[in-house]
Each structure stands twice: as structure tokens, then as C-alpha cells.
Amino acid sequence: MNISVLANTLIGSEIIKIGNEVNEMKRKGAQIANLTIGDFDSAIFPIPEALEEAIVTAYREGHTNYPPADGILALRETIVEVLDDRYELAYTVDDILVAGGSRPLIYALYLALVDPGDKVLYPAPSWNNNHYCHLSSANGVTIETTVENNFMPTAAQLKPHLKGATLLALCSPLNPTGTMFSKQQLEEICDIVIEENKSRAADEKPLYIMYDQIYSLLTFGKEHVNPVSLRPALKDYVIYIDGISKCLSATGVRVGWAFGPANIISKMKALLGHIGAWAPKAEQVAVAGYFKDKGLVDQYLAGFKTQVQASLDELYNGFQKLKSEGFAVDAVVPMGAIYLTLKIDYIGKTTPSGEVLKNSADVNFYLIKEAQTAIVPFSAFGNEESMPWFRASIGGCSLADIKNMIPRIAAALGKLSI
């Protein structure tokens, strides 16, 4: 049967593929530390108890019908207050769109701004921008980043590619690296976007920024920065992606939001109205009340962030110990989110059974088999398979799991030969 070109050329999520294979192995009895999916084991990282109770109450109160297409007013009012209080950003309820997590919002943003063939710039590694470019028939331009800049794109890297671009996709703290923009880094990027937009004719599309800050409340000793706070002149050109999925360990409570220029938000609303990707009304009611209580949220965040950082630090310190012992590994200091960037430079090595590890995927599956540890190569985030860097997501592992995996990784890597 013939299918569309889009469907025929669609590439599935490599992260989900790896995660599914790991889950199948676990189902058969394998004991594997799964650091693949950017999700949380609710037995280790539960959602706030008060939020859980509020969701149950909202269902019992009958909030089971359709919500408004842009989100219930009470939630949008709460978001306005949070943006002003936590980020010093001034937006109105008409500038906000609520949906079932961040994914439909990002997709709607692409469809609202990008015509087939339009240039979209995004860093590699980054989460899913290559796939959203494919879905919107955009001309995706990958900006390869380096460890020297914590895998964050720089103004110098971006500037040669700005001419004619419609969208610049940025994220901080960054999935998959757990690293963040510094104030100076982001200011320099903002300045070249302002300069580029000044050069465009009235009948040209401006260059927009998609700024994904879904992890902004999960930072460790670093200040989160955002474009409009740094450069208010960009307010008409920045669309933010945010929500509760990560900061409240609530990936299954599908409440995310976008905010930005009202004319763009209204078009995104129209798109999602046809798709029906709304956040469930009961969850919206619960989040509206819970997220409004800053003291309650901060109390939860204090404990949650301590737990997350402990796991990240344990993994980071474990890899630094391996490095000091002569293993060809490294790790980038965790700054935010739930991810650690790991270097495992064993491509080209030979396993005890005589197989050559030809790429990062081979290294990954060797570690799954021999060290019972599953991570994700940066090839899943737009980089080449020859790149020896990986993402480790700590949300599905206990601190004990992480401690126990380090000796297994050492033993597995120790078996490899030239």
C-alpha cells in the first residue's frame, strides 16, 4: 500500500527504540540500570503529594469535560504570575497557550512559523529538532557544538547561518547535555538576532527564537537566563516552551505551556484546536492551584533538586574516578536538568568475542550487555555515530543503582582491546 513521503521517510525516536529494547531485556529478567529515557521512576521521584491530591480532587469535582483550547483561565493566570515572579517577564493570559506537554507546542510552533524549505537553525546535540524539521519540511541546518563551550552554540557559530533563517531553536538547560547558557553567551546570540532582524525588509519573515526552558527550575548553582529578560527588544520574536513535566517530576501529568507574541500564540492555538492536544482539564485545575503556591513549590523543589543533584554528582564523580584510573572516559560538570554528558571513547575497540565496536551505538549496546548499563549516544540528538559522547538520564535510577553500575562499567571497558 502506498503511503505519504513524510510517513515513508520518518525516522523513529532512537531513544525510545533503545528504551524499548532495554525494557524487553528487563522483562526477561536482566538487571539493567536504565539511563535512557528523560523520565522519572515514580517510586524514586514521586510528584508532589499536594499536586497528586489536587488532581484526584479535580476529577472528583467533575472536571472531566473539554478545557478551553488555550487552557483554563485560572492556569493561564497562574502562569502569568509565575513568569513575573520567577523570571521578571511580563506577559498576559492572551500570550499563553496550554497543551498536553511541550511536544505538541513545539510542533505547533514549527507549523505556525515554518514553510516548507524555510531554514531552521539548531545545535547538535539537541532534542528532536531534526525530527521537527522533517515533520514541517524545513531546511534544517545543524550547528555542531563542542565540549569546550559545554555543547552550547555560540554567536560566532550561528552568525554565518542567520541570513534567511526563519527559526533558531535553543534550549537551556539543554537536553541532552545538562549544560546551560551563560549570561554572556546568550546575550551575544540575542545581539546577532536583533542585528539580523534589523537588516530584513518589511515583507520578509523575521528570525524567531524558540526558547525551550522546561528545565529552568532544575539548576545547580547556575543562574538560568532567558532572551527577553536580557534583551527586551526581542519580545516580539521569542516563543518560550515551558511546563511542569520536569521540575515537578510529573512527565505523565501532561501540562505544558508556550508563551510569546499573541499573534503567533493564537495561530498555534488554532493548530492545536484541530489536533486536540489539550492538557486534561482536571490536571490543569490542579496545576493552577498548586503552582500558584510558591512556598509549596519551592519546598518540593528543595528536596527534589537535592536528590537529583546527588545522583548526577555520584555519576560524575564515578566517571572522574574511572578517568583517573586510565579509562578513556570523561564527564561534563552537571549544571541543570536530569542529564549528565559522558565521554566513552572506545569506538574501534574489540570485544572479547572479537567484534569491533564500529560506532557509538555499538559501544552503547556493549555496555548494556556487559555492564548492564543503558545510556543514549549523541547520534540520537543529531550528531554523527562516530562521536564518543553520550547522555545519561538519572530519573529512572536510584542512587544505589548508580553507585553499583560504575564497577560494572570499569569491568566491561577493561575487557576491550585494540
Protein backbone atom coordinates (compact mmCIF):
# COMPACT_ATOMS: atom_id res chain seq x y z
CA MET A 1 0.00 0.00 0.00
CA ASN A 2 1.33 3.44 -0.94
CA ILE A 3 1.88 5.90 1.91
CA SER A 4 2.94 9.52 2.11
CA VAL A 5 6.50 10.61 1.51
CA LEU A 6 6.51 12.04 5.04
CA ALA A 7 5.45 8.75 6.63
CA ASN A 8 7.77 6.73 4.41
CA THR A 9 10.80 8.83 5.34
CA LEU A 10 10.00 9.28 9.03
CA ILE A 11 12.71 8.14 11.42
CA GLY A 12 11.52 6.87 14.78
CA SER A 13 12.96 8.02 18.09
CA GLU A 14 16.30 6.30 18.72
CA ILE A 15 15.86 7.00 22.43
CA ILE A 16 12.53 5.18 22.55
CA LYS A 17 13.99 2.34 20.49
CA ILE A 18 16.86 1.85 22.93
CA GLY A 19 14.50 2.20 25.90
CA ASN A 20 12.12 -0.40 24.46
CA GLU A 21 14.95 -2.87 23.90
CA VAL A 22 16.17 -2.35 27.45
CA ASN A 23 12.66 -2.82 28.85
CA GLU A 24 12.28 -6.05 26.87
CA MET A 25 15.56 -7.33 28.31
CA LYS A 26 14.41 -6.38 31.81
CA ARG A 27 11.11 -8.17 31.20
CA LYS A 28 13.14 -11.31 30.51
CA GLY A 29 14.95 -10.96 33.81
CA ALA A 30 18.00 -8.80 33.01
CA GLN A 31 19.00 -6.35 35.75
CA ILE A 32 19.86 -3.19 33.82
CA ALA A 33 20.41 0.36 35.06
CA ASN A 34 18.31 2.28 32.55
CA LEU A 35 19.64 5.82 31.97
CA THR A 36 17.97 6.24 28.58
CA ILE A 37 14.59 7.96 28.75
CA GLY A 38 14.29 11.51 30.13
CA ASP A 39 11.66 10.30 32.56
CA PHE A 40 11.27 9.56 36.25
CA ASP A 41 10.66 6.35 38.14
CA SER A 42 7.76 7.48 40.32
CA ALA A 43 8.88 5.14 43.09
CA ILE A 44 12.14 7.11 43.31
CA PHE A 45 10.98 10.58 42.25
CA PRO A 46 7.24 10.94 43.06
CA ILE A 47 5.25 14.01 42.09
CA PRO A 48 4.39 16.44 44.92
CA GLU A 49 1.84 14.89 47.24
CA ALA A 50 -0.24 18.09 47.28
CA LEU A 51 -0.38 18.08 43.47
CA GLU A 52 -1.45 14.44 43.41
CA GLU A 53 -4.25 15.18 45.89
CA ALA A 54 -5.34 18.22 43.88
CA ILE A 55 -5.57 16.14 40.68
CA VAL A 56 -7.71 13.49 42.39
CA THR A 57 -9.93 16.19 43.89
CA ALA A 58 -10.37 17.88 40.50
CA TYR A 59 -11.56 14.62 38.95
CA ARG A 60 -13.97 14.02 41.84
CA GLU A 61 -15.32 17.55 41.37
CA GLY A 62 -16.24 16.67 37.78
CA HIS A 63 -13.55 18.45 35.76
CA THR A 64 -13.74 15.81 33.05
CA ASN A 65 -15.03 17.81 30.07
CA TYR A 66 -13.13 19.66 27.36
CA PRO A 67 -10.91 22.51 28.58
CA PRO A 68 -10.72 25.79 26.61
CA ALA A 69 -8.45 25.44 23.57
CA ASP A 70 -5.79 27.72 25.05
CA GLY A 71 -6.03 26.36 28.61
CA ILE A 72 -8.27 27.21 31.55
CA LEU A 73 -8.11 30.85 32.59
CA ALA A 74 -7.04 30.05 36.17
CA LEU A 75 -3.95 28.21 34.95
CA ARG A 76 -3.01 30.94 32.48
CA GLU A 77 -3.37 33.49 35.29
CA THR A 78 -1.08 31.40 37.48
CA ILE A 79 1.48 31.20 34.67
CA VAL A 80 1.38 35.00 34.26
CA GLU A 81 2.14 35.38 37.99
CA VAL A 82 4.95 32.80 37.90
CA LEU A 83 6.59 34.41 34.86
CA ASP A 84 6.57 37.79 36.57
CA ASP A 85 7.79 36.48 39.92
CA ARG A 86 10.44 33.95 38.87
CA TYR A 87 11.66 35.40 35.56
CA GLU A 88 10.61 39.09 35.64
CA LEU A 89 8.77 38.52 32.36
CA ALA A 90 5.58 40.48 31.67
CA TYR A 91 3.01 38.54 29.65
CA THR A 92 -0.79 38.41 29.64
CA VAL A 93 -3.19 35.48 29.60
CA ASP A 94 -3.63 36.02 25.84
CA ASP A 95 0.08 35.37 25.34
CA ILE A 96 -0.10 31.86 26.84
CA LEU A 97 -1.10 28.53 25.33
CA VAL A 98 -1.51 25.38 27.45
CA ALA A 99 -1.21 21.91 25.94
CA GLY A 100 -0.55 18.28 26.80
CA GLY A 101 3.15 18.73 27.49
CA SER A 102 5.78 20.54 25.44
CA ARG A 103 5.85 18.29 22.36
CA PRO A 104 2.58 19.47 20.74
CA LEU A 105 3.57 23.06 21.49
CA ILE A 106 6.92 22.69 19.73
CA TYR A 107 5.23 21.02 16.77
CA ALA A 108 2.59 23.75 16.59
CA LEU A 109 5.31 26.40 16.76
CA TYR A 110 7.14 24.85 13.82
CA LEU A 111 3.93 24.65 11.80
CA ALA A 112 2.93 28.23 12.68
CA LEU A 113 6.25 29.74 11.60
CA VAL A 114 7.96 27.46 9.12
CA ASP A 115 7.02 26.97 5.49
CA PRO A 116 8.44 24.04 3.50
CA GLY A 117 12.04 24.85 2.64
CA ASP A 118 12.45 27.53 5.31
CA LYS A 119 15.78 27.45 7.12
CA VAL A 120 15.75 26.35 10.76
CA LEU A 121 18.94 26.50 12.83
CA TYR A 122 19.51 24.19 15.76
CA PRO A 123 22.52 22.93 17.69
CA ALA A 124 23.70 19.35 17.75
CA PRO A 125 23.25 17.78 20.12
CA SER A 126 19.69 18.91 20.84
CA TRP A 127 16.40 17.15 21.40
CA ASN A 128 14.22 16.28 18.38
CA ASN A 129 14.79 19.42 16.27
CA ASN A 130 15.96 17.25 13.37
CA HIS A 131 12.66 15.38 13.54
CA TYR A 132 10.54 18.53 13.80
CA CYS A 133 12.35 19.90 10.75
CA HIS A 134 11.42 16.73 8.89
CA LEU A 135 7.79 16.92 10.02
CA SER A 136 7.50 20.55 8.86
CA SER A 137 9.58 20.07 5.66
CA ALA A 138 12.04 22.66 6.90
CA ASN A 139 15.60 23.02 5.72
CA GLY A 140 17.29 22.09 8.97
CA VAL A 141 20.81 23.43 9.48
CA THR A 142 22.77 21.67 12.20
CA ILE A 143 25.25 23.72 14.22
CA GLU A 144 27.84 21.31 15.63
CA THR A 145 28.80 22.31 19.16
CA THR A 146 31.85 21.37 21.19
CA VAL A 147 32.69 20.35 24.73
CA GLU A 148 34.83 23.49 25.08
CA ASN A 149 31.58 25.52 25.12
CA ASN A 150 29.69 22.87 27.14
CA PHE A 151 27.95 21.83 23.92
CA MET A 152 26.06 25.15 23.81
CA PRO A 153 26.01 27.02 20.48
CA THR A 154 27.91 30.30 20.28
CA ALA A 155 27.12 33.51 18.44
CA ALA A 156 30.23 33.01 16.32
CA GLN A 157 28.98 29.59 15.20
CA LEU A 158 25.45 30.81 14.48
CA LYS A 159 26.15 34.13 12.75
CA PRO A 160 27.23 32.76 9.33
CA HIS A 161 23.93 30.88 9.06
CA LEU A 162 21.41 33.55 10.15
CA LYS A 163 20.73 35.06 6.73
CA GLY A 164 17.38 33.85 5.50
CA ALA A 165 16.66 31.69 8.54
CA THR A 166 13.14 31.65 10.00
CA LEU A 167 13.73 29.91 13.32
CA LEU A 168 16.57 29.45 15.78
CA ALA A 169 15.84 26.60 18.22
CA LEU A 170 17.56 26.97 21.60
CA CYS A 171 17.25 25.17 24.92
CA SER A 172 18.75 25.87 28.34
CA PRO A 173 19.31 23.86 30.48
CA LEU A 174 19.94 21.70 27.44
CA ASN A 175 18.56 18.27 26.73
CA PRO A 176 20.69 16.12 26.27
CA THR A 177 23.75 17.65 27.94
CA GLY A 178 22.53 19.14 31.22
CA THR A 179 24.56 22.27 30.43
CA MET A 180 23.41 25.89 30.30
CA PHE A 181 23.96 29.21 28.58
CA SER A 182 25.97 31.75 30.49
CA LYS A 183 24.62 35.30 30.52
CA GLN A 184 27.33 36.44 28.11
CA GLN A 185 26.79 33.53 25.71
CA LEU A 186 23.07 34.21 25.41
CA GLU A 187 23.50 37.99 25.23
CA GLU A 188 25.82 37.58 22.25
CA ILE A 189 23.30 35.35 20.49
CA CYS A 190 20.47 37.79 21.23
CA ASP A 191 22.50 40.66 19.78
CA ILE A 192 23.16 38.92 16.45
CA VAL A 193 19.46 38.02 16.14
CA ILE A 194 18.50 41.67 16.75
CA GLU A 195 21.08 42.75 14.17
CA GLU A 196 19.79 40.22 11.65
CA ASN A 197 16.17 41.29 12.07
CA LYS A 198 17.09 44.95 11.57
CA SER A 199 18.55 44.01 8.19
CA ARG A 200 15.35 42.39 6.89
CA ALA A 201 12.83 44.06 4.64
CA ALA A 202 9.25 44.64 5.78
CA ASP A 203 7.96 41.82 3.54
CA GLU A 204 10.45 39.27 4.91
CA LYS A 205 9.77 36.93 7.81
CA PRO A 206 11.79 37.88 10.86
CA LEU A 207 14.11 35.44 12.56
CA TYR A 208 12.32 33.93 15.55
CA ILE A 209 13.80 32.17 18.57
CA MET A 210 12.20 29.11 20.12
CA TYR A 211 13.49 29.05 23.69
CA ASP A 212 12.85 25.78 25.49
CA GLN A 213 13.27 26.35 29.24
CA ILE A 214 11.40 23.33 30.51
CA TYR A 215 14.29 22.59 32.90
CA SER A 216 14.74 26.17 34.15
CA LEU A 217 13.76 25.35 37.75
CA LEU A 218 16.19 22.42 37.85
CA THR A 219 19.56 24.15 38.06
CA PHE A 220 22.52 23.52 40.34
CA GLY A 221 24.43 26.63 41.35
CA LYS A 222 23.97 28.26 37.96
CA GLU A 223 21.71 31.17 37.02
CA HIS A 224 19.11 30.46 34.37
CA VAL A 225 18.98 33.22 31.75
CA ASN A 226 16.45 33.88 29.00
CA PRO A 227 16.41 36.06 25.86
CA VAL A 228 13.66 38.59 26.62
CA SER A 229 14.93 39.36 30.13
CA LEU A 230 18.36 40.04 28.66
CA ARG A 231 17.14 41.86 25.56
CA PRO A 232 13.54 43.19 25.86
CA ALA A 233 13.69 44.26 22.19
CA LEU A 234 13.34 40.56 21.30
CA LYS A 235 9.92 40.14 22.92
CA ASP A 236 8.09 40.04 19.58
CA TYR A 237 10.44 37.36 18.26
CA VAL A 238 10.76 34.81 21.08
CA ILE A 239 8.39 31.93 21.78
CA TYR A 240 9.08 30.07 25.02
CA ILE A 241 8.37 26.43 25.80
CA ASP A 242 7.82 25.54 29.45
CA GLY A 243 5.75 23.39 31.80
CA ILE A 244 5.74 21.19 34.89
CA SER A 245 6.87 17.86 33.42
CA LYS A 246 10.46 18.03 34.60
CA CYS A 247 10.53 20.46 37.52
CA LEU A 248 7.79 18.56 39.36
CA SER A 249 8.84 15.06 38.26
CA ALA A 250 5.48 14.99 36.51
CA THR A 251 6.14 13.76 32.98
CA GLY A 252 2.86 11.84 32.94
CA VAL A 253 0.86 14.84 34.16
CA ARG A 254 0.61 16.36 30.72
CA VAL A 255 0.63 20.10 31.40
CA GLY A 256 2.96 22.30 29.36
CA TRP A 257 2.70 25.83 28.04
CA ALA A 258 4.10 28.16 25.44
CA PHE A 259 4.16 31.94 25.71
CA GLY A 260 5.15 34.69 23.34
CA PRO A 261 3.67 37.15 20.83
CA ALA A 262 -0.12 36.89 20.94
CA ASN A 263 -0.48 36.72 17.14
CA ILE A 264 1.75 33.63 16.97
CA ILE A 265 0.26 32.03 20.07
CA SER A 266 -3.22 32.42 18.54
CA LYS A 267 -2.11 30.57 15.38
CA MET A 268 -0.58 27.80 17.47
CA LYS A 269 -3.87 27.62 19.38
CA ALA A 270 -5.77 27.20 16.11
CA LEU A 271 -3.46 24.39 15.03
CA LEU A 272 -3.77 22.54 18.32
CA GLY A 273 -7.52 23.07 18.22
CA HIS A 274 -7.63 20.83 15.17
CA ILE A 275 -5.24 18.30 16.70
CA GLY A 276 -6.88 18.29 20.13
CA ALA A 277 -3.62 18.05 22.07
CA TRP A 278 -5.04 19.68 25.20
CA ALA A 279 -3.86 19.06 28.71
CA PRO A 280 -6.61 17.22 30.64
CA LYS A 281 -8.85 19.69 32.43
CA ALA A 282 -8.51 18.12 35.88
CA GLU A 283 -4.71 18.33 35.65
CA GLN A 284 -4.96 21.96 34.58
CA VAL A 285 -7.20 22.79 37.53
CA ALA A 286 -4.79 21.08 39.92
CA VAL A 287 -1.67 22.76 38.49
CA ALA A 288 -3.38 26.16 38.54
CA GLY A 289 -3.80 25.92 42.30
CA TYR A 290 -0.59 24.11 43.19
CA PHE A 291 1.84 26.10 41.05
CA LYS A 292 0.38 29.33 42.38
CA ASP A 293 1.67 28.49 45.87
CA LYS A 294 5.34 29.45 45.56
CA GLY A 295 6.21 28.29 49.06
CA LEU A 296 4.77 24.84 48.43
CA VAL A 297 6.55 24.55 45.07
CA ASP A 298 9.88 25.73 46.49
CA GLN A 299 9.58 23.27 49.39
CA TYR A 300 9.16 20.42 46.92
CA LEU A 301 11.93 21.71 44.65
CA ALA A 302 14.42 21.91 47.50
CA GLY A 303 14.17 18.20 48.26
CA PHE A 304 13.76 17.12 44.64
CA LYS A 305 16.77 19.09 43.40
CA THR A 306 18.94 17.76 46.22
CA GLN A 307 18.02 14.21 45.23
CA VAL A 308 18.62 14.84 41.51
CA GLN A 309 21.95 16.54 42.14
CA ALA A 310 23.11 13.72 44.39
CA SER A 311 22.55 11.23 41.57
CA LEU A 312 24.22 13.45 38.96
CA ASP A 313 27.20 14.06 41.24
CA GLU A 314 27.55 10.36 42.01
CA LEU A 315 27.67 9.54 38.30
CA TYR A 316 30.02 12.44 37.52
CA ASN A 317 32.41 11.53 40.34
CA GLY A 318 32.29 7.88 39.32
CA PHE A 319 33.38 8.74 35.79
CA GLN A 320 36.10 11.08 37.03
CA LYS A 321 37.42 8.19 39.14
CA LEU A 322 37.43 5.94 36.07
CA LYS A 323 39.27 8.65 34.15
CA SER A 324 41.90 8.91 36.90
CA GLU A 325 42.38 5.14 36.66
CA GLY A 326 43.29 5.40 32.99
CA PHE A 327 39.99 4.66 31.29
CA ALA A 328 39.23 6.69 28.15
CA VAL A 329 36.20 8.39 29.68
CA ASP A 330 35.17 11.83 30.86
CA ALA A 331 32.12 13.77 32.03
CA VAL A 332 30.94 17.38 31.94
CA VAL A 333 30.07 19.01 35.28
CA PRO A 334 26.27 18.91 35.73
CA MET A 335 24.63 22.34 35.65
CA GLY A 336 20.91 21.67 35.25
CA ALA A 337 18.20 19.22 34.16
CA ILE A 338 18.47 15.47 34.86
CA TYR A 339 21.26 14.66 32.41
CA LEU A 340 24.99 14.07 32.53
CA THR A 341 27.18 14.25 29.45
CA LEU A 342 29.57 11.30 29.30
CA LYS A 343 32.53 10.59 27.03
CA ILE A 344 33.24 6.91 26.45
CA ASP A 345 35.96 6.84 23.82
CA TYR A 346 36.02 3.17 22.85
CA ILE A 347 34.90 3.22 19.22
CA GLY A 348 37.24 0.95 17.25
CA LYS A 349 37.99 -1.32 20.21
CA THR A 350 37.46 -5.09 20.06
CA THR A 351 35.27 -7.11 22.39
CA PRO A 352 36.38 -10.41 23.95
CA SER A 353 34.29 -12.22 21.31
CA GLY A 354 36.22 -10.48 18.51
CA GLU A 355 33.60 -7.93 17.47
CA VAL A 356 34.79 -4.40 16.63
CA LEU A 357 32.78 -1.54 18.15
CA LYS A 358 32.25 0.43 14.94
CA ASN A 359 30.25 3.37 16.31
CA SER A 360 28.66 4.87 19.42
CA ALA A 361 25.61 2.60 19.12
CA ASP A 362 27.88 -0.46 19.27
CA VAL A 363 29.58 0.93 22.38
CA ASN A 364 26.18 1.53 23.95
CA PHE A 365 24.86 -1.96 23.33
CA TYR A 366 28.14 -3.47 24.51
CA LEU A 367 27.66 -1.64 27.82
CA ILE A 368 24.05 -2.80 28.01
CA LYS A 369 25.16 -6.42 27.59
CA GLU A 370 28.39 -6.41 29.59
CA ALA A 371 27.81 -3.69 32.21
CA GLN A 372 24.01 -3.81 32.47
CA THR A 373 24.01 -0.05 31.90
CA ALA A 374 21.99 1.71 29.19
CA ILE A 375 22.66 5.28 28.03
CA VAL A 376 21.98 7.17 24.78
CA PRO A 377 24.60 8.13 22.18
CA PHE A 378 24.62 11.70 20.89
CA SER A 379 23.76 10.27 17.46
CA ALA A 380 20.18 10.24 18.77
CA PHE A 381 20.41 14.03 19.08
CA GLY A 382 21.66 14.95 15.61
CA ASN A 383 25.36 14.10 15.85
CA GLU A 384 27.37 11.56 13.88
CA GLU A 385 27.71 7.97 15.11
CA SER A 386 31.47 8.49 15.27
CA MET A 387 31.07 10.89 18.20
CA PRO A 388 32.04 9.22 21.52
CA TRP A 389 29.66 11.28 23.69
CA PHE A 390 26.54 10.02 25.43
CA ARG A 391 23.58 11.22 27.50
CA ALA A 392 22.84 9.63 30.86
CA SER A 393 19.43 10.40 32.37
CA ILE A 394 19.27 9.73 36.09
CA GLY A 395 15.48 9.90 36.55
CA GLY A 396 14.92 6.16 36.29
CA CYS A 397 17.71 5.03 38.60
CA SER A 398 18.23 5.09 42.34
CA LEU A 399 21.42 6.42 43.88
CA ALA A 400 22.35 2.83 44.73
CA ASP A 401 21.84 1.80 41.08
CA ILE A 402 24.29 4.50 40.00
CA LYS A 403 26.90 3.54 42.60
CA ASN A 404 26.67 -0.12 41.63
CA MET A 405 27.00 0.47 37.88
CA ILE A 406 30.42 2.18 37.99
CA PRO A 407 32.40 -1.01 38.83
CA ARG A 408 30.45 -2.88 36.13
CA ILE A 409 31.37 -0.23 33.54
CA ALA A 410 35.03 -0.44 34.59
CA ALA A 411 34.99 -4.23 34.24
CA ALA A 412 33.32 -4.09 30.83
CA LEU A 413 35.67 -1.44 29.42
CA GLY A 414 38.63 -3.32 30.85
CA LYS A 415 37.79 -6.31 28.65
CA LEU A 416 38.15 -4.31 25.42
CA SER A 417 41.33 -4.45 23.38
CA ILE A 418 42.86 -2.54 20.47
